[in-house]
Amino acid sequence: MKINFYNTLTRKKEEFIPINEGKVCMYSCGPTVYYYPHIGNLRAYLFMDNLRRVLKYNGYELKHVMNITDVGHLVSDGDEGEDKMMKAAKREHKSVMEIAQFYTNAFFADCQKLNIKRPIQIYF
């Protein structure tokens, strides 16, 4: 079955043709794990899960990887202010790694509740 995607660069629907026939490698940015995710955060992972399911249903062998972002995300989008992880560590009187592990676990627990499949590889 042919799959078509909208290409924002060309502004047209185009047939999906993988680089390697029958195989798809998919990367998705993971959460910045300084606090609990909300449904707005999880929307991106619901989309990736739907895409993964469509590809698998259509017979593609899939390798999906995701990163878990921890340090280096500032409180403003203008690359200003305090690091979100450091701020959370101060708020909760924990180390940055304790914050990252706790909220990573919370993220995957929420994904499980929404039936979002885990990627095969996760990078920290």
Protein backbone atom coordinates (compact mmCIF):
# COMPACT_ATOMS: atom_id res chain seq x y z
CA MET A 1 0.00 0.00 0.00
CA LYS A 2 1.29 3.45 -0.87
CA ILE A 3 1.69 6.01 1.91
CA ASN A 4 1.64 9.71 1.12
CA PHE A 5 2.83 12.54 3.35
CA TYR A 6 2.48 16.27 3.00
CA ASN A 7 5.92 17.74 2.33
CA THR A 8 6.05 21.23 3.87
CA LEU A 9 9.09 22.09 1.74
CA THR A 10 7.41 21.39 -1.61
CA ARG A 11 3.88 22.05 -0.28
CA LYS A 12 2.64 18.87 -1.96
CA LYS A 13 1.55 15.38 -1.00
CA GLU A 14 4.31 12.98 -1.93
CA GLU A 15 4.65 9.24 -1.90
CA PHE A 16 6.77 7.94 0.97
CA ILE A 17 9.78 6.05 -0.34
CA PRO A 18 12.17 4.87 2.38
CA ILE A 19 15.92 5.08 1.88
CA ASN A 20 16.19 1.32 2.39
CA GLU A 21 13.33 -0.67 0.90
CA GLY A 22 11.01 -2.05 3.57
CA LYS A 23 12.91 -0.41 6.44
CA VAL A 24 12.32 2.87 8.26
CA CYS A 25 14.50 4.55 10.87
CA MET A 26 12.64 7.17 12.86
CA TYR A 27 14.03 9.63 15.42
CA SER A 28 11.89 11.66 17.78
CA CYS A 29 12.97 14.26 20.27
CA GLY A 30 12.20 13.15 23.78
CA PRO A 31 10.99 15.18 26.73
CA THR A 32 12.98 17.60 28.83
CA VAL A 33 12.49 15.80 32.12
CA TYR A 34 12.34 18.59 34.69
CA TYR A 35 8.63 18.26 35.56
CA TYR A 36 5.54 16.18 34.80
CA PRO A 37 4.40 16.11 31.17
CA HIS A 38 1.01 17.54 30.25
CA ILE A 39 -1.25 16.54 27.37
CA GLY A 40 0.25 19.29 25.19
CA ASN A 41 3.68 17.68 25.65
CA LEU A 42 2.31 14.19 25.09
CA ARG A 43 0.56 15.19 21.84
CA ALA A 44 3.88 14.93 19.99
CA TYR A 45 4.40 11.38 21.26
CA LEU A 46 0.83 10.39 20.36
CA PHE A 47 1.57 11.56 16.82
CA MET A 48 4.84 9.62 16.67
CA ASP A 49 3.07 6.52 18.00
CA ASN A 50 0.36 6.83 15.34
CA LEU A 51 3.00 7.22 12.63
CA ARG A 52 4.88 4.20 13.99
CA ARG A 53 1.69 2.13 13.93
CA VAL A 54 0.86 3.15 10.34
CA LEU A 55 4.34 2.22 9.16
CA LYS A 56 4.27 -1.14 10.98
CA TYR A 57 0.74 -1.88 9.69
CA ASN A 58 2.00 -1.29 6.16
CA GLY A 59 4.74 -3.85 6.61
CA TYR A 60 7.77 -1.69 7.28
CA GLU A 61 10.53 -2.88 9.59
CA LEU A 62 10.91 0.02 12.00
CA LYS A 63 13.72 1.31 14.19
CA HIS A 64 12.47 4.15 16.41
CA VAL A 65 14.88 5.98 18.70
CA MET A 66 14.30 8.85 21.11
CA ASN A 67 16.48 11.00 23.30
CA ILE A 68 15.73 12.07 26.85
CA THR A 69 16.78 15.68 27.23
CA ASP A 70 17.99 16.72 30.62
CA VAL A 71 20.53 19.52 31.02
CA GLY A 72 20.88 22.69 28.98
CA HIS A 73 17.31 23.80 28.37
CA LEU A 74 16.92 27.32 29.62
CA VAL A 75 13.71 28.70 31.08
CA SER A 76 13.22 31.08 28.16
CA ASP A 77 13.16 30.26 24.46
CA GLY A 78 15.60 33.12 23.93
CA ASP A 79 18.48 31.10 25.40
CA GLU A 80 18.34 33.17 28.54
CA GLY A 81 17.81 32.46 32.19
CA GLU A 82 18.35 29.50 34.45
CA ASP A 83 18.66 25.90 33.28
CA LYS A 84 15.33 24.06 33.78
CA MET A 85 17.02 21.03 35.33
CA MET A 86 19.03 23.11 37.80
CA LYS A 87 15.90 25.04 38.72
CA ALA A 88 13.99 21.77 39.35
CA ALA A 89 16.89 20.37 41.41
CA LYS A 90 16.83 23.45 43.63
CA ARG A 91 13.03 23.37 43.87
CA GLU A 92 12.95 19.72 44.96
CA HIS A 93 16.27 19.59 46.86
CA LYS A 94 17.58 16.76 44.68
CA SER A 95 20.43 16.23 42.26
CA VAL A 96 19.93 16.88 38.56
CA MET A 97 20.24 13.14 37.88
CA GLU A 98 17.56 12.34 40.51
CA ILE A 99 15.25 14.87 38.84
CA ALA A 100 15.96 13.41 35.40
CA GLN A 101 15.30 9.83 36.52
CA PHE A 102 12.12 10.67 38.44
CA TYR A 103 10.51 12.64 35.61
CA THR A 104 11.70 10.17 32.96
CA ASN A 105 9.83 7.47 34.87
CA ALA A 106 6.77 9.75 35.15
CA PHE A 107 6.90 10.41 31.39
CA PHE A 108 6.98 6.71 30.48
CA ALA A 109 4.23 5.93 33.01
CA ASP A 110 2.01 8.51 31.28
CA CYS A 111 2.94 7.08 27.87
CA GLN A 112 1.93 3.63 29.07
CA LYS A 113 -1.46 4.97 30.22
CA LEU A 114 -1.99 6.42 26.73
CA ASN A 115 -0.81 3.15 25.10
CA ILE A 116 2.15 4.90 23.46
CA LYS A 117 4.76 2.27 22.62
CA ARG A 118 8.31 2.86 23.82
CA PRO A 119 11.00 3.39 21.18
CA ILE A 120 13.44 0.50 20.81
CA GLN A 121 16.33 2.73 21.86
CA ILE A 122 16.37 5.64 24.27
CA TYR A 123 19.36 7.94 24.64
CA PHE A 124 20.11 10.00 27.71
